[in-house]
Every structure is written in C-alpha cells, then in structure tokens.
Amino acid sequence: MEALSNALQPYKEIVGTVAAIVTMGQMFSGVFMCWDIYKQKDTKSVPLMAFSGGLVMGVLNLQYGFILRDDTMIRVNFFGIALSIVYLSVYFCYTKKKVQAWFHMGVWGAFTAAVISYVQMADPAVVENHLGTLLTAFMFYLIASPLFGLKEIIAKQSTEGLPFPMIISGTVVTFMWLLYGIILKNGFLVLQNSVAFVLCSAQLSLFVIYPSKPKQATKAKAKKAD
C-alpha cells in the first residue's frame, strides 16, 4: 500500500475533491426515497434507519474529520447532516408511527451524544483509533443492513425494497474514499471502504440476479393488461 500511496500523492486534491462531490451526490439519493414517501403519503416501505443512520454517521464522521483536521471530510459531513435533517423532517411528517420514530431517534441521539462526550474527554493519543473503530463497525452495520433481508429476497426472487440509488452511489463513493484513505495512509479509511465497497458490490449484484418487482406481481400485471 505504501507504493500505491506514494504514486497517488500528486493526485490527493483531485481524489479528495471527486470523493467529496460523489459523496454529496450520494446524499441526494435520499430524495428518491422521500419522493416515494410523498407519493404514497406513508413511510411503510422506507426504513427510518436509512435517514437516522445517515445523520448519526454524519455527526460522527464530522467529529472524526475534526480530529484528522481534514477539510474535505468536514465540508462533506456538514452538508450530509443538513440533508439528513431535511429527510427526517419529511419522514416524521408522513409516518403513522410517530411514537416509535421518536423513541428510535431518542436511542440513537443518546448513543451519538455519549460518543461525542467520550471523544471530548478521552486521551487524544487513543481517541482517533477508538472513534475510527466505532465508525468502522457502524458503517458496516448500515451498509450490510439491507442484506439482513437476503432470505426474503431469495424467497421472493425480487430486489423490491432495496434502495438501488443508495447502493449504486454507495459503490462509487466507497471506492473513491478507499483511494483517498490510501493517499492519507489512514488504515481505518482503507479498511472501512474496502469492506464497504465489497458489501455494496454484493448488493448491486442482486439487481442483476433478481428483478425489482416480484415475479407474481409482474405476472399479475401482465394478465391484467391482457
């Protein structure tokens, strides 16, 4: 990795800028989910974690950016936090399970506050590694969460319910941050985005194997058309 990092050093600013741009583009993928919520006037097909997870990740990554003193990470995550707040506002406007949603946000809010408090009080010599480890674990959970329903996807032979815009954009984003992590020689960024890229690619392959609509629904629609 040392040789690759040295070879990419002259392109640090370019790779960082591209990583920031594609990440901001990925953050707009939530617009498609908000549009689905608006059309059906309900949040039943959209998991709250898709938005709350983005907010938590944005806040923690922002803190990590401050520790690394990396302007690219700081700018990107400020932007992501603002978008996540907008998405959550749309979700809360249409959800019929407001009590559960507020409880969910309370739990994750408490978790985020606890982590930030620890970061502020911990020994600066170890806090970067500790926060990096936590971010890595949380990132894996968020990206892998759609695969928790893999059994149902195989049973239905359909990828309906998987957030395609987020997955395809996530594949591009994690690849760019992997390159940026190599340039920075930051082991956590490299590990995070190597595994994340593999997970996103695995989810993307499901769209090649299975259609976005269940076969039964497709047949029913075709029969109705006849």
C-alpha atoms as a PDB file:
ATOM      1  CA  MET A   1       0.000   0.000   0.000  1.00  0.00           C
ATOM      2  CA  GLU A   2       2.970   2.289   0.625  1.00  0.00           C
ATOM      3  CA  ALA A   3       3.951   2.266  -3.059  1.00  0.00           C
ATOM      4  CA  LEU A   4       0.378   2.922  -4.204  1.00  0.00           C
ATOM      5  CA  SER A   5       0.006   5.743  -1.666  1.00  0.00           C
ATOM      6  CA  ASN A   6       3.195   7.417  -2.901  1.00  0.00           C
ATOM      7  CA  ALA A   7       2.088   7.035  -6.519  1.00  0.00           C
ATOM      8  CA  LEU A   8      -1.274   8.679  -5.747  1.00  0.00           C
ATOM      9  CA  GLN A   9       0.123  11.536  -3.624  1.00  0.00           C
ATOM     10  CA  PRO A  10       0.253  14.048  -6.532  1.00  0.00           C
ATOM     11  CA  TYR A  11      -3.480  13.431  -7.085  1.00  0.00           C
ATOM     12  CA  LYS A  12      -4.533  13.942  -3.447  1.00  0.00           C
ATOM     13  CA  GLU A  13      -6.512  17.149  -4.098  1.00  0.00           C
ATOM     14  CA  ILE A  14      -8.209  15.721  -7.194  1.00  0.00           C
ATOM     15  CA  VAL A  15      -9.188  12.442  -5.498  1.00  0.00           C
ATOM     16  CA  GLY A  16     -10.388  14.313  -2.389  1.00  0.00           C
ATOM     17  CA  THR A  17     -12.492  16.693  -4.479  1.00  0.00           C
ATOM     18  CA  VAL A  18     -14.019  13.870  -6.539  1.00  0.00           C
ATOM     19  CA  ALA A  19     -14.709  11.877  -3.351  1.00  0.00           C
ATOM     20  CA  ALA A  20     -16.463  14.908  -1.849  1.00  0.00           C
ATOM     21  CA  ILE A  21     -18.544  15.530  -4.985  1.00  0.00           C
ATOM     22  CA  VAL A  22     -19.711  11.909  -5.410  1.00  0.00           C
ATOM     23  CA  THR A  23     -20.461  11.703  -1.672  1.00  0.00           C
ATOM     24  CA  MET A  24     -22.646  14.805  -1.880  1.00  0.00           C
ATOM     25  CA  GLY A  25     -24.302  13.267  -4.932  1.00  0.00           C
ATOM     26  CA  GLN A  26     -24.976  10.069  -2.965  1.00  0.00           C
ATOM     27  CA  MET A  27     -26.539  12.097  -0.175  1.00  0.00           C
ATOM     28  CA  PHE A  28     -29.155  13.307  -2.658  1.00  0.00           C
ATOM     29  CA  SER A  29     -30.238   9.692  -3.253  1.00  0.00           C
ATOM     30  CA  GLY A  30     -32.495  10.169  -0.225  1.00  0.00           C
ATOM     31  CA  VAL A  31     -34.591  12.476  -2.393  1.00  0.00           C
ATOM     32  CA  PHE A  32     -35.896   9.440  -4.304  1.00  0.00           C
ATOM     33  CA  MET A  33     -36.972   7.787  -1.049  1.00  0.00           C
ATOM     34  CA  CYS A  34     -38.634  10.997   0.122  1.00  0.00           C
ATOM     35  CA  TRP A  35     -40.449  11.182  -3.208  1.00  0.00           C
ATOM     36  CA  ASP A  36     -41.794   7.640  -2.661  1.00  0.00           C
ATOM     37  CA  ILE A  37     -42.965   8.687   0.808  1.00  0.00           C
ATOM     38  CA  TYR A  38     -44.712  11.741  -0.631  1.00  0.00           C
ATOM     39  CA  LYS A  39     -46.434   9.744  -3.396  1.00  0.00           C
ATOM     40  CA  GLN A  40     -47.825   7.068  -1.059  1.00  0.00           C
ATOM     41  CA  LYS A  41     -48.372   9.520   1.843  1.00  0.00           C
ATOM     42  CA  ASP A  42     -46.823   6.900   4.115  1.00  0.00           C
ATOM     43  CA  THR A  43     -43.405   5.635   5.202  1.00  0.00           C
ATOM     44  CA  LYS A  44     -44.237   1.918   5.230  1.00  0.00           C
ATOM     45  CA  SER A  45     -41.715   0.990   2.511  1.00  0.00           C
ATOM     46  CA  VAL A  46     -38.905   3.219   3.805  1.00  0.00           C
ATOM     47  CA  PRO A  47     -36.876   2.232   6.888  1.00  0.00           C
ATOM     48  CA  LEU A  48     -36.233   5.095   9.314  1.00  0.00           C
ATOM     49  CA  MET A  49     -32.673   3.830   9.740  1.00  0.00           C
ATOM     50  CA  ALA A  50     -31.926   4.896   6.163  1.00  0.00           C
ATOM     51  CA  PHE A  51     -32.201   8.514   7.333  1.00  0.00           C
ATOM     52  CA  SER A  52     -31.346   8.347  11.035  1.00  0.00           C
ATOM     53  CA  GLY A  53     -28.257   6.258  10.267  1.00  0.00           C
ATOM     54  CA  GLY A  54     -27.122   8.912   7.807  1.00  0.00           C
ATOM     55  CA  LEU A  55     -27.494  11.610  10.458  1.00  0.00           C
ATOM     56  CA  VAL A  56     -25.586   9.640  13.116  1.00  0.00           C
ATOM     57  CA  MET A  57     -22.864   8.717  10.627  1.00  0.00           C
ATOM     58  CA  GLY A  58     -22.604  12.335   9.501  1.00  0.00           C
ATOM     59  CA  VAL A  59     -22.194  13.662  13.051  1.00  0.00           C
ATOM     60  CA  LEU A  60     -19.589  11.048  13.993  1.00  0.00           C
ATOM     61  CA  ASN A  61     -17.685  11.439  10.726  1.00  0.00           C
ATOM     62  CA  LEU A  62     -17.683  15.190  11.243  1.00  0.00           C
ATOM     63  CA  GLN A  63     -16.085  14.635  14.649  1.00  0.00           C
ATOM     64  CA  TYR A  64     -13.545  12.315  13.015  1.00  0.00           C
ATOM     65  CA  GLY A  65     -12.821  14.962  10.379  1.00  0.00           C
ATOM     66  CA  PHE A  66     -12.074  17.483  13.126  1.00  0.00           C
ATOM     67  CA  ILE A  67      -9.671  15.019  14.763  1.00  0.00           C
ATOM     68  CA  LEU A  68      -7.875  14.438  11.439  1.00  0.00           C
ATOM     69  CA  ARG A  69      -8.090  18.162  10.614  1.00  0.00           C
ATOM     70  CA  ASP A  70      -9.294  17.168   7.146  1.00  0.00           C
ATOM     71  CA  ASP A  71     -11.273  19.962   5.462  1.00  0.00           C
ATOM     72  CA  THR A  72     -12.758  17.624   2.833  1.00  0.00           C
ATOM     73  CA  MET A  73     -14.356  15.363   5.458  1.00  0.00           C
ATOM     74  CA  ILE A  74     -15.588  18.360   7.465  1.00  0.00           C
ATOM     75  CA  ARG A  75     -17.304  20.050   4.500  1.00  0.00           C
ATOM     76  CA  VAL A  76     -18.892  16.830   3.222  1.00  0.00           C
ATOM     77  CA  ASN A  77     -20.322  15.851   6.593  1.00  0.00           C
ATOM     78  CA  PHE A  78     -21.718  19.304   7.392  1.00  0.00           C
ATOM     79  CA  PHE A  79     -23.587  19.023   4.088  1.00  0.00           C
ATOM     80  CA  GLY A  80     -24.708  15.462   4.858  1.00  0.00           C
ATOM     81  CA  ILE A  81     -26.036  16.416   8.294  1.00  0.00           C
ATOM     82  CA  ALA A  82     -28.131  19.228   6.795  1.00  0.00           C
ATOM     83  CA  LEU A  83     -29.635  16.883   4.169  1.00  0.00           C
ATOM     84  CA  SER A  84     -30.331  14.163   6.748  1.00  0.00           C
ATOM     85  CA  ILE A  85     -32.294  16.647   8.856  1.00  0.00           C
ATOM     86  CA  VAL A  86     -34.414  17.532   5.808  1.00  0.00           C
ATOM     87  CA  TYR A  87     -35.054  13.845   5.042  1.00  0.00           C
ATOM     88  CA  LEU A  88     -36.002  13.111   8.645  1.00  0.00           C
ATOM     89  CA  SER A  89     -38.420  16.050   8.608  1.00  0.00           C
ATOM     90  CA  VAL A  90     -40.176  14.523   5.585  1.00  0.00           C
ATOM     91  CA  TYR A  91     -40.260  11.124   7.287  1.00  0.00           C
ATOM     92  CA  PHE A  92     -41.774  12.492  10.510  1.00  0.00           C
ATOM     93  CA  CYS A  93     -44.325  14.467   8.511  1.00  0.00           C
ATOM     94  CA  TYR A  94     -45.767  11.302   6.928  1.00  0.00           C
ATOM     95  CA  THR A  95     -45.078   8.469   9.371  1.00  0.00           C
ATOM     96  CA  LYS A  96     -48.052   6.985  11.189  1.00  0.00           C
ATOM     97  CA  LYS A  97     -45.815   5.587  13.918  1.00  0.00           C
ATOM     98  CA  LYS A  98     -44.552   8.806  15.428  1.00  0.00           C
ATOM     99  CA  VAL A  99     -44.066   7.419  18.949  1.00  0.00           C
ATOM    100  CA  GLN A 100     -41.852   4.582  17.693  1.00  0.00           C
ATOM    101  CA  ALA A 101     -39.989   7.016  15.436  1.00  0.00           C
ATOM    102  CA  TRP A 102     -39.295   9.435  18.306  1.00  0.00           C
ATOM    103  CA  PHE A 103     -38.131   6.547  20.504  1.00  0.00           C
ATOM    104  CA  HIS A 104     -35.828   5.346  17.717  1.00  0.00           C
ATOM    105  CA  MET A 105     -34.356   8.841  17.356  1.00  0.00           C
ATOM    106  CA  GLY A 106     -34.001   9.176  21.128  1.00  0.00           C
ATOM    107  CA  VAL A 107     -31.953   5.988  21.352  1.00  0.00           C
ATOM    108  CA  TRP A 108     -29.624   6.959  18.523  1.00  0.00           C
ATOM    109  CA  GLY A 109     -29.429  10.545  19.781  1.00  0.00           C
ATOM    110  CA  ALA A 110     -28.308   9.291  23.195  1.00  0.00           C
ATOM    111  CA  PHE A 111     -25.763   6.989  21.532  1.00  0.00           C
ATOM    112  CA  THR A 112     -24.337   9.863  19.473  1.00  0.00           C
ATOM    113  CA  ALA A 113     -24.185  12.202  22.486  1.00  0.00           C
ATOM    114  CA  ALA A 114     -22.373   9.532  24.507  1.00  0.00           C
ATOM    115  CA  VAL A 115     -19.779   9.001  21.769  1.00  0.00           C
ATOM    116  CA  ILE A 116     -19.148  12.738  21.347  1.00  0.00           C
ATOM    117  CA  SER A 117     -18.829  13.163  25.116  1.00  0.00           C
ATOM    118  CA  TYR A 118     -16.278  10.357  25.214  1.00  0.00           C
ATOM    119  CA  VAL A 119     -14.314  11.924  22.335  1.00  0.00           C
ATOM    120  CA  GLN A 120     -14.159  15.247  24.172  1.00  0.00           C
ATOM    121  CA  MET A 121     -12.908  13.676  27.420  1.00  0.00           C
ATOM    122  CA  ALA A 122     -10.704  10.841  26.135  1.00  0.00           C
ATOM    123  CA  ASP A 123      -6.943  10.863  25.794  1.00  0.00           C
ATOM    124  CA  PRO A 124      -6.101  12.470  22.400  1.00  0.00           C
ATOM    125  CA  ALA A 125      -3.456   9.768  21.900  1.00  0.00           C
ATOM    126  CA  VAL A 126      -6.057   6.992  21.686  1.00  0.00           C
ATOM    127  CA  VAL A 127      -9.305   8.730  20.702  1.00  0.00           C
ATOM    128  CA  GLU A 128      -8.582   8.667  16.951  1.00  0.00           C
ATOM    129  CA  ASN A 129      -8.214   4.865  16.977  1.00  0.00           C
ATOM    130  CA  HIS A 130     -11.241   4.340  19.225  1.00  0.00           C
ATOM    131  CA  LEU A 131     -13.538   6.580  17.162  1.00  0.00           C
ATOM    132  CA  GLY A 132     -12.216   5.077  13.942  1.00  0.00           C
ATOM    133  CA  THR A 133     -13.025   1.574  15.186  1.00  0.00           C
ATOM    134  CA  LEU A 134     -16.539   2.614  16.202  1.00  0.00           C
ATOM    135  CA  LEU A 135     -17.149   4.343  12.878  1.00  0.00           C
ATOM    136  CA  THR A 136     -15.947   1.271  11.004  1.00  0.00           C
ATOM    137  CA  ALA A 137     -18.334  -1.022  12.907  1.00  0.00           C
ATOM    138  CA  PHE A 138     -21.289   1.352  12.500  1.00  0.00           C
ATOM    139  CA  MET A 139     -20.585   1.849   8.802  1.00  0.00           C
ATOM    140  CA  PHE A 140     -20.508  -1.914   8.230  1.00  0.00           C
ATOM    141  CA  TYR A 141     -23.841  -2.243  10.032  1.00  0.00           C
ATOM    142  CA  LEU A 142     -25.501   0.468   7.920  1.00  0.00           C
ATOM    143  CA  ILE A 143     -24.226  -0.848   4.602  1.00  0.00           C
ATOM    144  CA  ALA A 144     -24.876  -4.512   5.407  1.00  0.00           C
ATOM    145  CA  SER A 145     -28.365  -3.909   6.880  1.00  0.00           C
ATOM    146  CA  PRO A 146     -30.201  -4.383   3.526  1.00  0.00           C
ATOM    147  CA  LEU A 147     -28.633  -7.860   3.364  1.00  0.00           C
ATOM    148  CA  PHE A 148     -30.398  -8.829   6.605  1.00  0.00           C
ATOM    149  CA  GLY A 149     -33.427  -9.495   4.399  1.00  0.00           C
ATOM    150  CA  LEU A 150     -31.451 -11.680   1.971  1.00  0.00           C
ATOM    151  CA  LYS A 151     -33.550 -14.747   2.813  1.00  0.00           C
ATOM    152  CA  GLU A 152     -36.731 -12.880   1.852  1.00  0.00           C
ATOM    153  CA  ILE A 153     -35.111 -11.509  -1.317  1.00  0.00           C
ATOM    154  CA  ILE A 154     -34.193 -15.039  -2.428  1.00  0.00           C
ATOM    155  CA  ALA A 155     -37.628 -16.394  -1.475  1.00  0.00           C
ATOM    156  CA  LYS A 156     -39.447 -13.689  -3.461  1.00  0.00           C
ATOM    157  CA  GLN A 157     -36.750 -13.604  -6.157  1.00  0.00           C
ATOM    158  CA  SER A 158     -37.082  -9.840  -6.092  1.00  0.00           C
ATOM    159  CA  THR A 159     -34.956  -6.862  -5.014  1.00  0.00           C
ATOM    160  CA  GLU A 160     -38.061  -4.802  -4.283  1.00  0.00           C
ATOM    161  CA  GLY A 161     -37.400  -2.761  -1.162  1.00  0.00           C
ATOM    162  CA  LEU A 162     -33.639  -2.472  -1.686  1.00  0.00           C
ATOM    163  CA  PRO A 163     -32.626   1.210  -2.126  1.00  0.00           C
ATOM    164  CA  PHE A 164     -30.992   0.979  -5.574  1.00  0.00           C
ATOM    165  CA  PRO A 165     -29.967   4.693  -5.798  1.00  0.00           C
ATOM    166  CA  MET A 166     -28.192   4.480  -2.430  1.00  0.00           C
ATOM    167  CA  ILE A 167     -26.491   1.181  -3.268  1.00  0.00           C
ATOM    168  CA  ILE A 168     -25.118   2.138  -6.679  1.00  0.00           C
ATOM    169  CA  SER A 169     -23.977   5.552  -5.482  1.00  0.00           C
ATOM    170  CA  GLY A 170     -22.520   3.911  -2.360  1.00  0.00           C
ATOM    171  CA  THR A 171     -20.404   1.643  -4.569  1.00  0.00           C
ATOM    172  CA  VAL A 172     -18.854   4.642  -6.325  1.00  0.00           C
ATOM    173  CA  VAL A 173     -18.445   6.645  -3.117  1.00  0.00           C
ATOM    174  CA  THR A 174     -16.730   3.885  -1.138  1.00  0.00           C
ATOM    175  CA  PHE A 175     -14.283   3.302  -3.993  1.00  0.00           C
ATOM    176  CA  MET A 176     -13.300   6.984  -4.072  1.00  0.00           C
ATOM    177  CA  TRP A 177     -12.874   7.158  -0.276  1.00  0.00           C
ATOM    178  CA  LEU A 178     -10.815   3.965  -0.454  1.00  0.00           C
ATOM    179  CA  LEU A 179      -8.400   5.752  -2.796  1.00  0.00           C
ATOM    180  CA  TYR A 180      -8.408   8.812  -0.533  1.00  0.00           C
ATOM    181  CA  GLY A 181      -7.701   6.642   2.511  1.00  0.00           C
ATOM    182  CA  ILE A 182      -4.743   5.057   0.703  1.00  0.00           C
ATOM    183  CA  ILE A 183      -3.373   8.518  -0.099  1.00  0.00           C
ATOM    184  CA  LEU A 184      -3.748   9.618   3.536  1.00  0.00           C
ATOM    185  CA  LYS A 185      -2.260   6.290   4.695  1.00  0.00           C
ATOM    186  CA  ASN A 186      -5.200   6.039   7.089  1.00  0.00           C
ATOM    187  CA  GLY A 187      -5.800   2.396   7.994  1.00  0.00           C
ATOM    188  CA  PHE A 188      -9.372   2.980   9.202  1.00  0.00           C
ATOM    189  CA  LEU A 189     -10.480   4.713   5.999  1.00  0.00           C
ATOM    190  CA  VAL A 190      -8.889   1.941   3.928  1.00  0.00           C
ATOM    191  CA  LEU A 191     -10.474  -0.855   5.990  1.00  0.00           C
ATOM    192  CA  GLN A 192     -13.888   0.852   6.155  1.00  0.00           C
ATOM    193  CA  ASN A 193     -14.136   1.495   2.459  1.00  0.00           C
ATOM    194  CA  SER A 194     -12.565  -1.793   1.305  1.00  0.00           C
ATOM    195  CA  VAL A 195     -15.218  -3.808   3.138  1.00  0.00           C
ATOM    196  CA  ALA A 196     -17.952  -1.267   2.320  1.00  0.00           C
ATOM    197  CA  PHE A 197     -17.087  -1.452  -1.392  1.00  0.00           C
ATOM    198  CA  VAL A 198     -17.348  -5.261  -1.321  1.00  0.00           C
ATOM    199  CA  LEU A 199     -20.702  -5.102   0.527  1.00  0.00           C
ATOM    200  CA  CYS A 200     -22.121  -2.517  -1.895  1.00  0.00           C
ATOM    201  CA  SER A 201     -20.924  -4.562  -4.875  1.00  0.00           C
ATOM    202  CA  ALA A 202     -22.563  -7.683  -3.429  1.00  0.00           C
ATOM    203  CA  GLN A 203     -25.865  -5.836  -3.024  1.00  0.00           C
ATOM    204  CA  LEU A 204     -25.558  -4.377  -6.521  1.00  0.00           C
ATOM    205  CA  SER A 205     -25.116  -7.890  -7.941  1.00  0.00           C
ATOM    206  CA  LEU A 206     -28.540  -8.817  -6.533  1.00  0.00           C
ATOM    207  CA  PHE A 207     -30.145  -6.391  -9.004  1.00  0.00           C
ATOM    208  CA  VAL A 208     -28.503  -8.334 -11.838  1.00  0.00           C
ATOM    209  CA  ILE A 209     -29.769 -11.668 -10.484  1.00  0.00           C
ATOM    210  CA  TYR A 210     -33.288 -10.633  -9.443  1.00  0.00           C
ATOM    211  CA  PRO A 211     -35.832  -8.153 -10.867  1.00  0.00           C
ATOM    212  CA  SER A 212     -37.008  -5.131  -8.878  1.00  0.00           C
ATOM    213  CA  LYS A 213     -40.576  -6.476  -8.761  1.00  0.00           C
ATOM    214  CA  PRO A 214     -41.758  -9.907  -7.545  1.00  0.00           C
ATOM    215  CA  LYS A 215     -42.481 -12.370 -10.346  1.00  0.00           C
ATOM    216  CA  GLN A 216     -46.027 -12.824  -9.055  1.00  0.00           C
ATOM    217  CA  ALA A 217     -46.691  -9.096  -9.283  1.00  0.00           C
ATOM    218  CA  THR A 218     -45.217  -8.929 -12.797  1.00  0.00           C
ATOM    219  CA  LYS A 219     -47.381 -11.847 -13.962  1.00  0.00           C
ATOM    220  CA  ALA A 220     -50.490 -10.351 -12.376  1.00  0.00           C
ATOM    221  CA  LYS A 221     -49.834  -7.027 -14.082  1.00  0.00           C
ATOM    222  CA  ALA A 222     -49.351  -8.744 -17.450  1.00  0.00           C
ATOM    223  CA  LYS A 223     -52.560 -10.763 -17.022  1.00  0.00           C
ATOM    224  CA  LYS A 224     -54.480  -7.610 -16.123  1.00  0.00           C
ATOM    225  CA  ALA A 225     -53.159  -5.900 -19.261  1.00  0.00           C
ATOM    226  CA  ASP A 226     -54.456  -8.823 -21.372  1.00  0.00           C
END
